[in-house]
Amino acid sequence: MLAIRLQRVGRAGYPTYRLAVQEAQRHPSSGRVVAYVGSYNPHTKDANVQVELAQKYLDNGAQPTPRVVKLLKEAGVKLPKWVKEAAADKQKALRNPEKLRKNQPKEEEAPEVETPADEAVEETAPADEA
């Protein structure tokens, strides 16, 4: 079975990816590549996809990963019905949501009290005599 997945390339700290078609079982993730169908730069969000070539492998049963599905869809590749798309409403689970600042009880603000220093400044201000 073929898989279309992202293969990391690029220098340390600045990854870029190739869209690689590989055999899913024999050579997982780092093995022999059947073909490259595009590239993706996550820093600029720039994806270059060879639409016809990607369509050919999808029609022959290549399984894309969820991130590759998103990239292929944005590039305009017509996805088969059996391809599962990632849920748009997926949210990350929070460990301790009660500790979040937005879930803490509101603190009551104390009314401002004028200090004697503030009153002294008001008294020493020159009055306009006209």
Protein backbone atom coordinates (compact mmCIF):
# COMPACT_ATOMS: atom_id res chain seq x y z
CA MET A 1 0.00 0.00 0.00
CA LEU A 2 1.25 3.48 -0.86
CA ALA A 3 1.16 6.47 1.48
CA ILE A 4 1.57 10.16 0.75
CA ARG A 5 3.34 11.74 3.69
CA LEU A 6 5.59 14.66 4.59
CA GLN A 7 9.33 13.99 4.53
CA ARG A 8 11.38 16.47 6.52
CA VAL A 9 14.27 18.21 4.78
CA GLY A 10 16.06 21.47 5.45
CA ARG A 11 18.56 22.65 8.00
CA ALA A 12 18.38 22.32 11.77
CA GLY A 13 15.74 24.59 13.27
CA TYR A 14 14.24 25.47 9.88
CA PRO A 15 12.36 22.47 8.52
CA THR A 16 10.81 22.23 5.08
CA TYR A 17 8.98 19.20 3.80
CA ARG A 18 8.57 17.14 0.63
CA LEU A 19 5.31 15.40 -0.22
CA ALA A 20 6.62 11.88 -0.76
CA VAL A 21 4.80 8.80 -2.04
CA GLN A 22 6.20 5.76 -0.20
CA GLU A 23 5.36 2.18 0.49
CA ALA A 24 3.63 2.34 3.87
CA GLN A 25 4.55 -1.11 5.20
CA ARG A 26 7.98 -1.99 3.80
CA HIS A 27 9.76 1.33 4.16
CA PRO A 28 7.96 3.43 6.76
CA SER A 29 8.72 7.15 7.01
CA SER A 30 12.41 7.10 6.08
CA GLY A 31 12.72 4.43 3.45
CA ARG A 32 12.47 4.13 -0.31
CA VAL A 33 10.44 6.81 -2.06
CA VAL A 34 8.31 5.99 -5.10
CA ALA A 35 7.85 9.64 -6.16
CA TYR A 36 7.82 13.21 -4.92
CA VAL A 37 4.59 15.09 -5.64
CA GLY A 38 5.38 18.46 -4.09
CA SER A 39 6.91 20.47 -1.28
CA TYR A 40 5.72 22.49 1.71
CA ASN A 41 7.35 25.31 3.66
CA PRO A 42 5.54 25.76 7.01
CA HIS A 43 7.20 29.12 7.69
CA THR A 44 5.76 30.82 4.62
CA LYS A 45 2.80 28.41 4.30
CA ASP A 46 3.84 27.89 0.69
CA ALA A 47 2.82 24.53 -0.81
CA ASN A 48 3.85 23.44 -4.31
CA VAL A 49 1.91 20.38 -5.45
CA GLN A 50 2.05 18.60 -8.81
CA VAL A 51 -1.71 18.18 -9.09
CA GLU A 52 -1.79 15.63 -11.92
CA LEU A 53 0.83 13.38 -10.31
CA ALA A 54 -0.83 13.55 -6.87
CA GLN A 55 -4.20 12.79 -8.47
CA LYS A 56 -2.71 9.75 -10.22
CA TYR A 57 -1.44 8.24 -6.95
CA LEU A 58 -4.67 9.03 -5.09
CA ASP A 59 -6.69 7.32 -7.83
CA ASN A 60 -4.44 4.26 -7.44
CA GLY A 61 -5.14 4.08 -3.70
CA ALA A 62 -2.36 6.04 -2.00
CA GLN A 63 -3.35 6.98 1.57
CA PRO A 64 -2.57 10.62 2.46
CA THR A 65 -1.85 11.71 6.04
CA PRO A 66 -4.22 14.30 7.59
CA ARG A 67 -1.81 17.20 7.00
CA VAL A 68 -1.25 16.12 3.39
CA VAL A 69 -5.04 15.95 2.89
CA LYS A 70 -5.24 19.59 3.93
CA LEU A 71 -2.41 20.61 1.59
CA LEU A 72 -3.85 18.67 -1.36
CA LYS A 73 -7.29 20.16 -0.81
CA GLU A 74 -5.85 23.70 -0.79
CA ALA A 75 -3.95 22.92 -4.01
CA GLY A 76 -7.16 21.89 -5.77
CA VAL A 77 -6.68 18.12 -5.96
CA LYS A 78 -9.98 16.24 -6.18
CA LEU A 79 -9.94 13.83 -3.25
CA PRO A 80 -11.63 10.40 -3.48
CA LYS A 81 -14.65 9.73 -1.25
CA TRP A 82 -12.74 7.32 0.98
CA VAL A 83 -10.20 9.96 2.09
CA LYS A 84 -10.92 11.09 5.64
CA GLU A 85 -10.71 14.82 6.18
CA ALA A 86 -9.60 16.24 9.52
CA ALA A 87 -12.36 17.63 11.71
CA ALA A 88 -12.50 21.42 11.65
CA ASP A 89 -13.85 21.70 15.20
CA LYS A 90 -11.08 19.66 16.79
CA GLN A 91 -9.74 21.27 19.97
CA LYS A 92 -6.82 20.41 22.17
CA ALA A 93 -7.71 18.81 25.51
CA LEU A 94 -6.76 20.88 28.54
CA ARG A 95 -5.31 19.21 31.62
CA ASN A 96 -6.44 21.60 34.35
CA PRO A 97 -8.95 24.06 32.88
CA GLU A 98 -9.90 25.33 36.36
CA LYS A 99 -6.40 26.85 36.69
CA LEU A 100 -6.80 29.09 33.66
CA ARG A 101 -6.95 32.80 34.39
CA LYS A 102 -10.21 33.17 32.48
CA ASN A 103 -11.84 30.56 34.75
CA GLN A 104 -10.73 32.22 38.01
CA PRO A 105 -13.28 34.23 40.04
CA LYS A 106 -13.16 37.94 39.35
CA GLU A 107 -11.41 40.09 41.94
CA GLU A 108 -13.47 42.98 43.29
CA GLU A 109 -11.84 46.31 42.68
CA ALA A 110 -11.54 48.54 45.75
CA PRO A 111 -12.81 52.12 45.29
CA GLU A 112 -10.04 54.66 44.92
CA VAL A 113 -9.35 56.64 48.07
CA GLU A 114 -7.69 60.04 47.81
CA THR A 115 -4.54 60.34 49.84
CA PRO A 116 -3.56 63.51 51.72
CA ALA A 117 -0.72 64.02 49.21
CA ASP A 118 -3.25 64.28 46.35
CA GLU A 119 -5.25 66.90 48.27
CA ALA A 120 -2.11 68.96 48.97
CA VAL A 121 -1.25 69.05 45.27
CA GLU A 122 -4.73 70.35 44.43
CA GLU A 123 -4.51 73.12 47.07
CA THR A 124 -1.10 74.38 45.95
CA ALA A 125 -2.16 74.69 42.31
CA PRO A 126 -2.28 78.36 41.31
CA ALA A 127 -5.78 79.70 40.79
CA ASP A 128 -6.56 81.77 37.74
CA GLU A 129 -7.36 85.28 38.83
CA ALA A 130 -8.97 87.25 36.16
